[in-house]
Amino acid sequence: MYIKVKDLVGENAMTLADGEAIYGRIHDPLAQGEAVELDFDGVQVFASPFFNAGIGRLLADLTSETLNARLKFEHLSDFGARVLRRVIENAKDYYTANEDQRNAIDRIVRDNAVVA
């Protein structure tokens, strides 16, 4: 499966909603063993909420090895790749933590969230 990210989210891949749009398109194919290619050509701005909702969340159901084997990224800028790596590392830590640790992380995130 090939997805041109700009066609779904525009030039800015920043929000949770944008990430959820990607997640909704790629989760089931990846879980069923299909390879997915995300093409970021034309996407100029990246933020961690986008990658958290779109990619990091996949690690709740897939191993990092499976994700690495099936999910490919094209035309992702160096900055985007750095943000993505950090999100994946954080997601691996989160989803391998026990329930008490995840609850503590959730509480910290919730307590430090900035209300817009």
PDB file of N, CA and C in Angstrom:
ATOM      1  N   MET A   1       0.843  -1.171   0.000  1.00  0.00           N
ATOM      2  CA  MET A   1       0.000   0.000   0.000  1.00  0.00           C
ATOM      3  C   MET A   1       0.891   1.237   0.000  1.00  0.00           C
ATOM      4  N   TYR A   2       0.522   2.200  -0.799  1.00  0.00           N
ATOM      5  CA  TYR A   2       1.257   3.453  -0.918  1.00  0.00           C
ATOM      6  C   TYR A   2       0.329   4.593  -0.513  1.00  0.00           C
ATOM      7  N   ILE A   3       0.833   5.484   0.371  1.00  0.00           N
ATOM      8  CA  ILE A   3       0.052   6.640   0.798  1.00  0.00           C
ATOM      9  C   ILE A   3       0.905   7.885   0.671  1.00  0.00           C
ATOM     10  N   LYS A   4       0.387   8.855  -0.064  1.00  0.00           N
ATOM     11  CA  LYS A   4       1.030  10.163  -0.138  1.00  0.00           C
ATOM     12  C   LYS A   4       0.451  10.985   1.013  1.00  0.00           C
ATOM     13  N   VAL A   5       1.259  11.206   2.030  1.00  0.00           N
ATOM     14  CA  VAL A   5       0.804  11.829   3.270  1.00  0.00           C
ATOM     15  C   VAL A   5       0.224  13.218   3.021  1.00  0.00           C
ATOM     16  N   LYS A   6       0.836  13.975   2.128  1.00  0.00           N
ATOM     17  CA  LYS A   6       0.355  15.329   1.846  1.00  0.00           C
ATOM     18  C   LYS A   6      -1.094  15.320   1.371  1.00  0.00           C
ATOM     19  N   ASP A   7      -1.492  14.284   0.648  1.00  0.00           N
ATOM     20  CA  ASP A   7      -2.870  14.199   0.165  1.00  0.00           C
ATOM     21  C   ASP A   7      -3.869  14.025   1.309  1.00  0.00           C
ATOM     22  N   LEU A   8      -3.408  13.466   2.425  1.00  0.00           N
ATOM     23  CA  LEU A   8      -4.300  13.264   3.580  1.00  0.00           C
ATOM     24  C   LEU A   8      -4.274  14.419   4.572  1.00  0.00           C
ATOM     25  N   VAL A   9      -3.085  14.984   4.802  1.00  0.00           N
ATOM     26  CA  VAL A   9      -2.965  15.967   5.888  1.00  0.00           C
ATOM     27  C   VAL A   9      -2.468  17.335   5.435  1.00  0.00           C
ATOM     28  N   GLY A  10      -2.054  17.467   4.189  1.00  0.00           N
ATOM     29  CA  GLY A  10      -1.519  18.732   3.724  1.00  0.00           C
ATOM     30  C   GLY A  10      -0.034  18.854   4.002  1.00  0.00           C
ATOM     31  N   GLU A  11       0.460  20.082   3.969  1.00  0.00           N
ATOM     32  CA  GLU A  11       1.895  20.338   4.138  1.00  0.00           C
ATOM     33  C   GLU A  11       2.369  20.248   5.579  1.00  0.00           C
ATOM     34  N   ASN A  12       1.433  20.257   6.524  1.00  0.00           N
ATOM     35  CA  ASN A  12       1.776  20.249   7.948  1.00  0.00           C
ATOM     36  C   ASN A  12       1.268  18.979   8.613  1.00  0.00           C
ATOM     37  N   ALA A  13       2.177  18.120   9.012  1.00  0.00           N
ATOM     38  CA  ALA A  13       1.845  16.883   9.723  1.00  0.00           C
ATOM     39  C   ALA A  13       2.084  17.140  11.204  1.00  0.00           C
ATOM     40  N   MET A  14       1.065  17.707  11.855  1.00  0.00           N
ATOM     41  CA  MET A  14       1.293  18.183  13.212  1.00  0.00           C
ATOM     42  C   MET A  14       0.307  17.662  14.251  1.00  0.00           C
ATOM     43  N   THR A  15      -0.934  17.508  13.902  1.00  0.00           N
ATOM     44  CA  THR A  15      -1.959  17.306  14.926  1.00  0.00           C
ATOM     45  C   THR A  15      -2.271  15.837  15.187  1.00  0.00           C
ATOM     46  N   LEU A  16      -2.905  15.604  16.327  1.00  0.00           N
ATOM     47  CA  LEU A  16      -3.387  14.261  16.649  1.00  0.00           C
ATOM     48  C   LEU A  16      -4.371  13.791  15.588  1.00  0.00           C
ATOM     49  N   ALA A  17      -5.242  14.680  15.134  1.00  0.00           N
ATOM     50  CA  ALA A  17      -6.236  14.307  14.124  1.00  0.00           C
ATOM     51  C   ALA A  17      -5.563  13.882  12.827  1.00  0.00           C
ATOM     52  N   ASP A  18      -4.504  14.586  12.440  1.00  0.00           N
ATOM     53  CA  ASP A  18      -3.760  14.199  11.238  1.00  0.00           C
ATOM     54  C   ASP A  18      -3.143  12.817  11.421  1.00  0.00           C
ATOM     55  N   GLY A  19      -2.558  12.581  12.579  1.00  0.00           N
ATOM     56  CA  GLY A  19      -1.969  11.279  12.863  1.00  0.00           C
ATOM     57  C   GLY A  19      -3.007  10.172  12.882  1.00  0.00           C
ATOM     58  N   GLU A  20      -4.167  10.469  13.442  1.00  0.00           N
ATOM     59  CA  GLU A  20      -5.246   9.481  13.484  1.00  0.00           C
ATOM     60  C   GLU A  20      -5.722   9.120  12.075  1.00  0.00           C
ATOM     61  N   ALA A  21      -5.687  10.099  11.161  1.00  0.00           N
ATOM     62  CA  ALA A  21      -6.067   9.821   9.767  1.00  0.00           C
ATOM     63  C   ALA A  21      -5.099   8.816   9.144  1.00  0.00           C
ATOM     64  N   ILE A  22      -3.816   8.975   9.433  1.00  0.00           N
ATOM     65  CA  ILE A  22      -2.808   8.027   8.925  1.00  0.00           C
ATOM     66  C   ILE A  22      -3.003   6.667   9.592  1.00  0.00           C
ATOM     67  N   TYR A  23      -3.115   6.654  10.911  1.00  0.00           N
ATOM     68  CA  TYR A  23      -3.293   5.415  11.655  1.00  0.00           C
ATOM     69  C   TYR A  23      -4.488   4.619  11.128  1.00  0.00           C
ATOM     70  N   GLY A  24      -5.592   5.310  10.895  1.00  0.00           N
ATOM     71  CA  GLY A  24      -6.795   4.652  10.404  1.00  0.00           C
ATOM     72  C   GLY A  24      -6.611   3.979   9.055  1.00  0.00           C
ATOM     73  N   ARG A  25      -5.698   4.501   8.258  1.00  0.00           N
ATOM     74  CA  ARG A  25      -5.447   3.918   6.937  1.00  0.00           C
ATOM     75  C   ARG A  25      -4.438   2.780   6.966  1.00  0.00           C
ATOM     76  N   ILE A  26      -3.500   2.803   7.939  1.00  0.00           N
ATOM     77  CA  ILE A  26      -2.394   1.841   7.878  1.00  0.00           C
ATOM     78  C   ILE A  26      -2.449   0.730   8.914  1.00  0.00           C
ATOM     79  N   HIS A  27      -3.191   0.902  10.001  1.00  0.00           N
ATOM     80  CA  HIS A  27      -3.172  -0.099  11.070  1.00  0.00           C
ATOM     81  C   HIS A  27      -3.570  -1.484  10.582  1.00  0.00           C
ATOM     82  N   ASP A  28      -4.752  -1.601   9.998  1.00  0.00           N
ATOM     83  CA  ASP A  28      -5.237  -2.924   9.600  1.00  0.00           C
ATOM     84  C   ASP A  28      -4.349  -3.577   8.537  1.00  0.00           C
ATOM     85  N   PRO A  29      -3.960  -2.845   7.485  1.00  0.00           N
ATOM     86  CA  PRO A  29      -3.055  -3.489   6.515  1.00  0.00           C
ATOM     87  C   PRO A  29      -1.751  -3.987   7.152  1.00  0.00           C
ATOM     88  N   LEU A  30      -1.153  -3.184   8.025  1.00  0.00           N
ATOM     89  CA  LEU A  30       0.080  -3.618   8.692  1.00  0.00           C
ATOM     90  C   LEU A  30      -0.177  -4.840   9.564  1.00  0.00           C
ATOM     91  N   ALA A  31      -1.267  -4.827  10.318  1.00  0.00           N
ATOM     92  CA  ALA A  31      -1.596  -5.945  11.206  1.00  0.00           C
ATOM     93  C   ALA A  31      -1.868  -7.226  10.421  1.00  0.00           C
ATOM     94  N   GLN A  32      -2.313  -7.088   9.172  1.00  0.00           N
ATOM     95  CA  GLN A  32      -2.608  -8.249   8.334  1.00  0.00           C
ATOM     96  C   GLN A  32      -1.409  -8.676   7.487  1.00  0.00           C
ATOM     97  N   GLY A  33      -0.251  -8.035   7.726  1.00  0.00           N
ATOM     98  CA  GLY A  33       0.968  -8.460   7.059  1.00  0.00           C
ATOM     99  C   GLY A  33       1.321  -7.708   5.796  1.00  0.00           C
ATOM    100  N   GLU A  34       0.560  -6.703   5.464  1.00  0.00           N
ATOM    101  CA  GLU A  34       0.821  -5.933   4.250  1.00  0.00           C
ATOM    102  C   GLU A  34       1.922  -4.893   4.497  1.00  0.00           C
ATOM    103  N   ALA A  35       2.722  -4.639   3.489  1.00  0.00           N
ATOM    104  CA  ALA A  35       3.722  -3.572   3.558  1.00  0.00           C
ATOM    105  C   ALA A  35       3.036  -2.244   3.242  1.00  0.00           C
ATOM    106  N   VAL A  36       3.473  -1.190   3.927  1.00  0.00           N
ATOM    107  CA  VAL A  36       2.918   0.142   3.725  1.00  0.00           C
ATOM    108  C   VAL A  36       4.070   1.115   3.512  1.00  0.00           C
ATOM    109  N   GLU A  37       3.911   1.980   2.517  1.00  0.00           N
ATOM    110  CA  GLU A  37       4.899   3.029   2.261  1.00  0.00           C
ATOM    111  C   GLU A  37       4.224   4.371   2.452  1.00  0.00           C
ATOM    112  N   LEU A  38       4.785   5.190   3.339  1.00  0.00           N
ATOM    113  CA  LEU A  38       4.312   6.549   3.554  1.00  0.00           C
ATOM    114  C   LEU A  38       5.266   7.504   2.853  1.00  0.00           C
ATOM    115  N   ASP A  39       4.747   8.243   1.894  1.00  0.00           N
ATOM    116  CA  ASP A  39       5.553   9.192   1.136  1.00  0.00           C
ATOM    117  C   ASP A  39       5.270  10.594   1.665  1.00  0.00           C
ATOM    118  N   PHE A  40       6.294  11.232   2.219  1.00  0.00           N
ATOM    119  CA  PHE A  40       6.161  12.549   2.819  1.00  0.00           C
ATOM    120  C   PHE A  40       6.563  13.678   1.875  1.00  0.00           C
ATOM    121  N   ASP A  41       6.646  13.402   0.595  1.00  0.00           N
ATOM    122  CA  ASP A  41       6.987  14.439  -0.377  1.00  0.00           C
ATOM    123  C   ASP A  41       5.989  15.591  -0.263  1.00  0.00           C
ATOM    124  N   GLY A  42       6.492  16.800  -0.110  1.00  0.00           N
ATOM    125  CA  GLY A  42       5.644  17.975  -0.006  1.00  0.00           C
ATOM    126  C   GLY A  42       5.207  18.328   1.397  1.00  0.00           C
ATOM    127  N   VAL A  43       5.494  17.464   2.369  1.00  0.00           N
ATOM    128  CA  VAL A  43       5.164  17.781   3.762  1.00  0.00           C
ATOM    129  C   VAL A  43       6.341  18.568   4.331  1.00  0.00           C
ATOM    130  N   GLN A  44       6.046  19.751   4.861  1.00  0.00           N
ATOM    131  CA  GLN A  44       7.098  20.666   5.296  1.00  0.00           C
ATOM    132  C   GLN A  44       7.324  20.699   6.802  1.00  0.00           C
ATOM    133  N   VAL A  45       6.263  20.480   7.583  1.00  0.00           N
ATOM    134  CA  VAL A  45       6.336  20.653   9.036  1.00  0.00           C
ATOM    135  C   VAL A  45       5.885  19.359   9.712  1.00  0.00           C
ATOM    136  N   PHE A  46       6.608  18.965  10.756  1.00  0.00           N
ATOM    137  CA  PHE A  46       6.312  17.748  11.510  1.00  0.00           C
ATOM    138  C   PHE A  46       6.248  18.077  12.993  1.00  0.00           C
ATOM    139  N   ALA A  47       5.383  17.369  13.708  1.00  0.00           N
ATOM    140  CA  ALA A  47       5.320  17.519  15.158  1.00  0.00           C
ATOM    141  C   ALA A  47       5.045  16.162  15.786  1.00  0.00           C
ATOM    142  N   SER A  48       5.485  16.004  17.016  1.00  0.00           N
ATOM    143  CA  SER A  48       5.347  14.711  17.678  1.00  0.00           C
ATOM    144  C   SER A  48       3.903  14.252  17.859  1.00  0.00           C
ATOM    145  N   PRO A  49       2.907  15.134  18.102  1.00  0.00           N
ATOM    146  CA  PRO A  49       1.539  14.608  18.208  1.00  0.00           C
ATOM    147  C   PRO A  49       1.098  13.838  16.959  1.00  0.00           C
ATOM    148  N   PHE A  50       1.497  14.302  15.802  1.00  0.00           N
ATOM    149  CA  PHE A  50       1.176  13.598  14.565  1.00  0.00           C
ATOM    150  C   PHE A  50       1.768  12.193  14.569  1.00  0.00           C
ATOM    151  N   PHE A  51       3.062  12.091  14.859  1.00  0.00           N
ATOM    152  CA  PHE A  51       3.716  10.786  14.861  1.00  0.00           C
ATOM    153  C   PHE A  51       3.239   9.903  16.014  1.00  0.00           C
ATOM    154  N   ASN A  52       2.921  10.496  17.173  1.00  0.00           N
ATOM    155  CA  ASN A  52       2.392   9.707  18.291  1.00  0.00           C
ATOM    156  C   ASN A  52       1.092   9.020  17.895  1.00  0.00           C
ATOM    157  N   ALA A  53       0.172   9.781  17.323  1.00  0.00           N
ATOM    158  CA  ALA A  53      -1.143   9.236  16.975  1.00  0.00           C
ATOM    159  C   ALA A  53      -1.093   8.340  15.743  1.00  0.00           C
ATOM    160  N   GLY A  54      -0.190   8.646  14.819  1.00  0.00           N
ATOM    161  CA  GLY A  54      -0.158   7.909  13.562  1.00  0.00           C
ATOM    162  C   GLY A  54       0.751   6.701  13.549  1.00  0.00           C
ATOM    163  N   ILE A  55       1.890   6.799  14.228  1.00  0.00           N
ATOM    164  CA  ILE A  55       2.900   5.742  14.150  1.00  0.00           C
ATOM    165  C   ILE A  55       3.166   5.107  15.515  1.00  0.00           C
ATOM    166  N   GLY A  56       3.456   5.918  16.515  1.00  0.00           N
ATOM    167  CA  GLY A  56       3.790   5.375  17.837  1.00  0.00           C
ATOM    168  C   GLY A  56       2.718   4.452  18.375  1.00  0.00           C
ATOM    169  N   ARG A  57       1.491   4.814  18.158  1.00  0.00           N
ATOM    170  CA  ARG A  57       0.347   4.017  18.622  1.00  0.00           C
ATOM    171  C   ARG A  57       0.316   2.611  18.015  1.00  0.00           C
ATOM    172  N   LEU A  58       0.933   2.428  16.870  1.00  0.00           N
ATOM    173  CA  LEU A  58       0.979   1.105  16.243  1.00  0.00           C
ATOM    174  C   LEU A  58       1.685   0.084  17.129  1.00  0.00           C
ATOM    175  N   LEU A  59       2.587   0.552  17.981  1.00  0.00           N
ATOM    176  CA  LEU A  59       3.360  -0.357  18.819  1.00  0.00           C
ATOM    177  C   LEU A  59       2.538  -0.971  19.950  1.00  0.00           C
ATOM    178  N   ALA A  60       1.308  -0.550  20.089  1.00  0.00           N
ATOM    179  CA  ALA A  60       0.411  -1.218  21.034  1.00  0.00           C
ATOM    180  C   ALA A  60       0.047  -2.602  20.523  1.00  0.00           C
ATOM    181  N   ASP A  61       0.052  -2.766  19.193  1.00  0.00           N
ATOM    182  CA  ASP A  61      -0.383  -4.022  18.570  1.00  0.00           C
ATOM    183  C   ASP A  61       0.707  -4.741  17.782  1.00  0.00           C
ATOM    184  N   LEU A  62       1.746  -4.029  17.394  1.00  0.00           N
ATOM    185  CA  LEU A  62       2.805  -4.593  16.549  1.00  0.00           C
ATOM    186  C   LEU A  62       4.149  -4.464  17.241  1.00  0.00           C
ATOM    187  N   THR A  63       5.030  -5.408  17.011  1.00  0.00           N
ATOM    188  CA  THR A  63       6.379  -5.290  17.557  1.00  0.00           C
ATOM    189  C   THR A  63       7.166  -4.280  16.728  1.00  0.00           C
ATOM    190  N   SER A  64       8.223  -3.755  17.304  1.00  0.00           N
ATOM    191  CA  SER A  64       9.051  -2.807  16.549  1.00  0.00           C
ATOM    192  C   SER A  64       9.696  -3.500  15.349  1.00  0.00           C
ATOM    193  N   GLU A  65      10.002  -4.776  15.467  1.00  0.00           N
ATOM    194  CA  GLU A  65      10.575  -5.522  14.343  1.00  0.00           C
ATOM    195  C   GLU A  65       9.574  -5.622  13.196  1.00  0.00           C
ATOM    196  N   THR A  66       8.326  -5.904  13.525  1.00  0.00           N
ATOM    197  CA  THR A  66       7.281  -5.979  12.511  1.00  0.00           C
ATOM    198  C   THR A  66       7.095  -4.617  11.853  1.00  0.00           C
ATOM    199  N   LEU A  67       7.059  -3.585  12.669  1.00  0.00           N
ATOM    200  CA  LEU A  67       6.901  -2.235  12.138  1.00  0.00           C
ATOM    201  C   LEU A  67       8.047  -1.884  11.198  1.00  0.00           C
ATOM    202  N   ASN A  68       9.274  -2.183  11.607  1.00  0.00           N
ATOM    203  CA  ASN A  68      10.438  -1.896  10.762  1.00  0.00           C
ATOM    204  C   ASN A  68      10.393  -2.658   9.448  1.00  0.00           C
ATOM    205  N   ALA A  69       9.883  -3.870   9.482  1.00  0.00           N
ATOM    206  CA  ALA A  69       9.848  -4.691   8.277  1.00  0.00           C
ATOM    207  C   ALA A  69       8.747  -4.264   7.311  1.00  0.00           C
ATOM    208  N   ARG A  70       7.629  -3.780   7.840  1.00  0.00           N
ATOM    209  CA  ARG A  70       6.468  -3.527   6.990  1.00  0.00           C
ATOM    210  C   ARG A  70       6.209  -2.067   6.653  1.00  0.00           C
ATOM    211  N   LEU A  71       6.710  -1.132   7.462  1.00  0.00           N
ATOM    212  CA  LEU A  71       6.402   0.282   7.267  1.00  0.00           C
ATOM    213  C   LEU A  71       7.635   1.020   6.758  1.00  0.00           C
ATOM    214  N   LYS A  72       7.500   1.624   5.601  1.00  0.00           N
ATOM    215  CA  LYS A  72       8.611   2.349   4.974  1.00  0.00           C
ATOM    216  C   LYS A  72       8.248   3.823   4.830  1.00  0.00           C
ATOM    217  N   PHE A  73       9.256   4.660   4.926  1.00  0.00           N
ATOM    218  CA  PHE A  73       9.082   6.106   4.837  1.00  0.00           C
ATOM    219  C   PHE A  73       9.912   6.633   3.681  1.00  0.00           C
ATOM    220  N   GLU A  74       9.291   7.426   2.829  1.00  0.00           N
ATOM    221  CA  GLU A  74       9.977   8.060   1.714  1.00  0.00           C
ATOM    222  C   GLU A  74       9.878   9.575   1.855  1.00  0.00           C
ATOM    223  N   HIS A  75      10.926  10.255   1.442  1.00  0.00           N
ATOM    224  CA  HIS A  75      10.974  11.721   1.409  1.00  0.00           C
ATOM    225  C   HIS A  75      10.695  12.356   2.766  1.00  0.00           C
ATOM    226  N   LEU A  76      11.079  11.684   3.831  1.00  0.00           N
ATOM    227  CA  LEU A  76      10.944  12.237   5.174  1.00  0.00           C
ATOM    228  C   LEU A  76      12.197  13.061   5.461  1.00  0.00           C
ATOM    229  N   SER A  77      12.024  14.324   5.816  1.00  0.00           N
ATOM    230  CA  SER A  77      13.171  15.199   6.076  1.00  0.00           C
ATOM    231  C   SER A  77      13.978  14.685   7.261  1.00  0.00           C
ATOM    232  N   ASP A  78      15.207  15.181   7.397  1.00  0.00           N
ATOM    233  CA  ASP A  78      16.040  14.801   8.540  1.00  0.00           C
ATOM    234  C   ASP A  78      15.353  15.153   9.856  1.00  0.00           C
ATOM    235  N   PHE A  79      14.749  16.327   9.915  1.00  0.00           N
ATOM    236  CA  PHE A  79      14.047  16.729  11.127  1.00  0.00           C
ATOM    237  C   PHE A  79      12.876  15.790  11.405  1.00  0.00           C
ATOM    238  N   GLY A  80      12.084  15.490  10.389  1.00  0.00           N
ATOM    239  CA  GLY A  80      10.963  14.568  10.547  1.00  0.00           C
ATOM    240  C   GLY A  80      11.425  13.208  11.026  1.00  0.00           C
ATOM    241  N   ALA A  81      12.542  12.732  10.481  1.00  0.00           N
ATOM    242  CA  ALA A  81      13.086  11.427  10.877  1.00  0.00           C
ATOM    243  C   ALA A  81      13.524  11.440  12.340  1.00  0.00           C
ATOM    244  N   ARG A  82      14.101  12.553  12.796  1.00  0.00           N
ATOM    245  CA  ARG A  82      14.507  12.654  14.203  1.00  0.00           C
ATOM    246  C   ARG A  82      13.298  12.634  15.129  1.00  0.00           C
ATOM    247  N   VAL A  83      12.260  13.377  14.766  1.00  0.00           N
ATOM    248  CA  VAL A  83      11.040  13.387  15.582  1.00  0.00           C
ATOM    249  C   VAL A  83      10.437  11.985  15.611  1.00  0.00           C
ATOM    250  N   LEU A  84      10.375  11.334  14.460  1.00  0.00           N
ATOM    251  CA  LEU A  84       9.820   9.990  14.375  1.00  0.00           C
ATOM    252  C   LEU A  84      10.602   9.003  15.233  1.00  0.00           C
ATOM    253  N   ARG A  85      11.918   9.040  15.172  1.00  0.00           N
ATOM    254  CA  ARG A  85      12.741   8.133  15.993  1.00  0.00           C
ATOM    255  C   ARG A  85      12.453   8.314  17.479  1.00  0.00           C
ATOM    256  N   ARG A  86      12.361   9.559  17.911  1.00  0.00           N
ATOM    257  CA  ARG A  86      12.090   9.821  19.329  1.00  0.00           C
ATOM    258  C   ARG A  86      10.715   9.292  19.721  1.00  0.00           C
ATOM    259  N   VAL A  87       9.726   9.501  18.874  1.00  0.00           N
ATOM    260  CA  VAL A  87       8.369   9.014  19.152  1.00  0.00           C
ATOM    261  C   VAL A  87       8.362   7.492  19.240  1.00  0.00           C
ATOM    262  N   ILE A  88       9.041   6.825  18.332  1.00  0.00           N
ATOM    263  CA  ILE A  88       9.079   5.361  18.347  1.00  0.00           C
ATOM    264  C   ILE A  88       9.770   4.849  19.609  1.00  0.00           C
ATOM    265  N   GLU A  89      10.866   5.456  19.987  1.00  0.00           N
ATOM    266  CA  GLU A  89      11.553   5.035  21.218  1.00  0.00           C
ATOM    267  C   GLU A  89      10.657   5.230  22.434  1.00  0.00           C
ATOM    268  N   ASN A  90       9.992   6.367  22.513  1.00  0.00           N
ATOM    269  CA  ASN A  90       9.080   6.609  23.632  1.00  0.00           C
ATOM    270  C   ASN A  90       7.918   5.616  23.625  1.00  0.00           C
ATOM    271  N   ALA A  91       7.383   5.325  22.448  1.00  0.00           N
ATOM    272  CA  ALA A  91       6.264   4.385  22.343  1.00  0.00           C
ATOM    273  C   ALA A  91       6.706   2.984  22.750  1.00  0.00           C
ATOM    274  N   LYS A  92       7.907   2.576  22.352  1.00  0.00           N
ATOM    275  CA  LYS A  92       8.409   1.252  22.767  1.00  0.00           C
ATOM    276  C   LYS A  92       8.479   1.175  24.290  1.00  0.00           C
ATOM    277  N   ASP A  93       9.020   2.209  24.907  1.00  0.00           N
ATOM    278  CA  ASP A  93       9.108   2.238  26.374  1.00  0.00           C
ATOM    279  C   ASP A  93       7.719   2.195  27.002  1.00  0.00           C
ATOM    280  N   TYR A  94       6.806   2.970  26.469  1.00  0.00           N
ATOM    281  CA  TYR A  94       5.454   3.048  27.024  1.00  0.00           C
ATOM    282  C   TYR A  94       4.737   1.710  26.920  1.00  0.00           C
ATOM    283  N   TYR A  95       4.744   1.107  25.744  1.00  0.00           N
ATOM    284  CA  TYR A  95       3.969  -0.112  25.541  1.00  0.00           C
ATOM    285  C   TYR A  95       4.617  -1.360  26.139  1.00  0.00           C
ATOM    286  N   THR A  96       5.881  -1.277  26.537  1.00  0.00           N
ATOM    287  CA  THR A  96       6.497  -2.407  27.231  1.00  0.00           C
ATOM    288  C   THR A  96       6.456  -2.230  28.751  1.00  0.00           C
ATOM    289  N   ALA A  97       6.022  -1.063  29.211  1.00  0.00           N
ATOM    290  CA  ALA A  97       5.912  -0.811  30.647  1.00  0.00           C
ATOM    291  C   ALA A  97       4.707  -1.568  31.209  1.00  0.00           C
ATOM    292  N   ASN A  98       4.765  -1.843  32.508  1.00  0.00           N
ATOM    293  CA  ASN A  98       3.607  -2.488  33.139  1.00  0.00           C
ATOM    294  C   ASN A  98       2.493  -1.457  33.351  1.00  0.00           C
ATOM    295  N   GLU A  99       1.339  -1.921  33.757  1.00  0.00           N
ATOM    296  CA  GLU A  99       0.163  -1.052  33.872  1.00  0.00           C
ATOM    297  C   GLU A  99       0.388   0.103  34.845  1.00  0.00           C
ATOM    298  N   ASP A 100       1.030  -0.157  35.980  1.00  0.00           N
ATOM    299  CA  ASP A 100       1.283   0.909  36.958  1.00  0.00           C
ATOM    300  C   ASP A 100       2.194   1.978  36.364  1.00  0.00           C
ATOM    301  N   GLN A 101       3.219   1.553  35.644  1.00  0.00           N
ATOM    302  CA  GLN A 101       4.136   2.511  35.026  1.00  0.00           C
ATOM    303  C   GLN A 101       3.413   3.337  33.960  1.00  0.00           C
ATOM    304  N   ARG A 102       2.579   2.681  33.157  1.00  0.00           N
ATOM    305  CA  ARG A 102       1.827   3.414  32.124  1.00  0.00           C
ATOM    306  C   ARG A 102       0.849   4.400  32.757  1.00  0.00           C
ATOM    307  N   ASN A 103       0.207   3.994  33.836  1.00  0.00           N
ATOM    308  CA  ASN A 103      -0.701   4.914  34.528  1.00  0.00           C
ATOM    309  C   ASN A 103       0.050   6.129  35.053  1.00  0.00           C
ATOM    310  N   ALA A 104       1.250   5.908  35.581  1.00  0.00           N
ATOM    311  CA  ALA A 104       2.068   7.021  36.076  1.00  0.00           C
ATOM    312  C   ALA A 104       2.460   7.949  34.926  1.00  0.00           C
ATOM    313  N   ILE A 105       2.853   7.374  33.807  1.00  0.00           N
ATOM    314  CA  ILE A 105       3.210   8.179  32.633  1.00  0.00           C
ATOM    315  C   ILE A 105       1.996   8.976  32.168  1.00  0.00           C
ATOM    316  N   ASP A 106       0.851   8.326  32.080  1.00  0.00           N
ATOM    317  CA  ASP A 106      -0.371   9.007  31.655  1.00  0.00           C
ATOM    318  C   ASP A 106      -0.705  10.174  32.584  1.00  0.00           C
ATOM    319  N   ARG A 107      -0.537   9.950  33.880  1.00  0.00           N
ATOM    320  CA  ARG A 107      -0.825  10.999  34.866  1.00  0.00           C
ATOM    321  C   ARG A 107       0.120  12.183  34.688  1.00  0.00           C
ATOM    322  N   ILE A 108       1.402  11.906  34.473  1.00  0.00           N
ATOM    323  CA  ILE A 108       2.375  12.982  34.275  1.00  0.00           C
ATOM    324  C   ILE A 108       2.054  13.781  33.022  1.00  0.00           C
ATOM    325  N   VAL A 109       1.743  13.080  31.938  1.00  0.00           N
ATOM    326  CA  VAL A 109       1.410  13.760  30.683  1.00  0.00           C
ATOM    327  C   VAL A 109       0.160  14.615  30.875  1.00  0.00           C
ATOM    328  N   ARG A 110      -0.851  14.054  31.505  1.00  0.00           N
ATOM    329  CA  ARG A 110      -2.104  14.762  31.721  1.00  0.00           C
ATOM    330  C   ARG A 110      -1.871  16.004  32.609  1.00  0.00           C
ATOM    331  N   ASP A 111      -1.075  15.854  33.662  1.00  0.00           N
ATOM    332  CA  ASP A 111      -0.811  16.957  34.580  1.00  0.00           C
ATOM    333  C   ASP A 111       0.021  18.067  33.945  1.00  0.00           C
ATOM    334  N   ASN A 112       0.817  17.717  32.946  1.00  0.00           N
ATOM    335  CA  ASN A 112       1.676  18.699  32.292  1.00  0.00           C
ATOM    336  C   ASN A 112       1.142  19.185  30.959  1.00  0.00           C
ATOM    337  N   ALA A 113      -0.044  18.734  30.589  1.00  0.00           N
ATOM    338  CA  ALA A 113      -0.636  19.153  29.315  1.00  0.00           C
ATOM    339  C   ALA A 113      -0.982  20.636  29.377  1.00  0.00           C
ATOM    340  N   VAL A 114      -0.732  21.301  28.285  1.00  0.00           N
ATOM    341  CA  VAL A 114      -1.072  22.712  28.170  1.00  0.00           C
ATOM    342  C   VAL A 114      -2.432  22.805  27.488  1.00  0.00           C
ATOM    343  N   VAL A 115      -3.338  23.475  28.122  1.00  0.00           N
ATOM    344  CA  VAL A 115      -4.658  23.655  27.538  1.00  0.00           C
ATOM    345  C   VAL A 115      -4.608  24.867  26.622  1.00  0.00           C
ATOM    346  N   ALA A 116      -4.987  24.645  25.362  1.00  0.00           N
ATOM    347  CA  ALA A 116      -4.933  25.747  24.387  1.00  0.00           C
ATOM    348  C   ALA A 116      -6.177  26.579  24.444  1.00  0.00           C
TER     349      ALA A 116
END
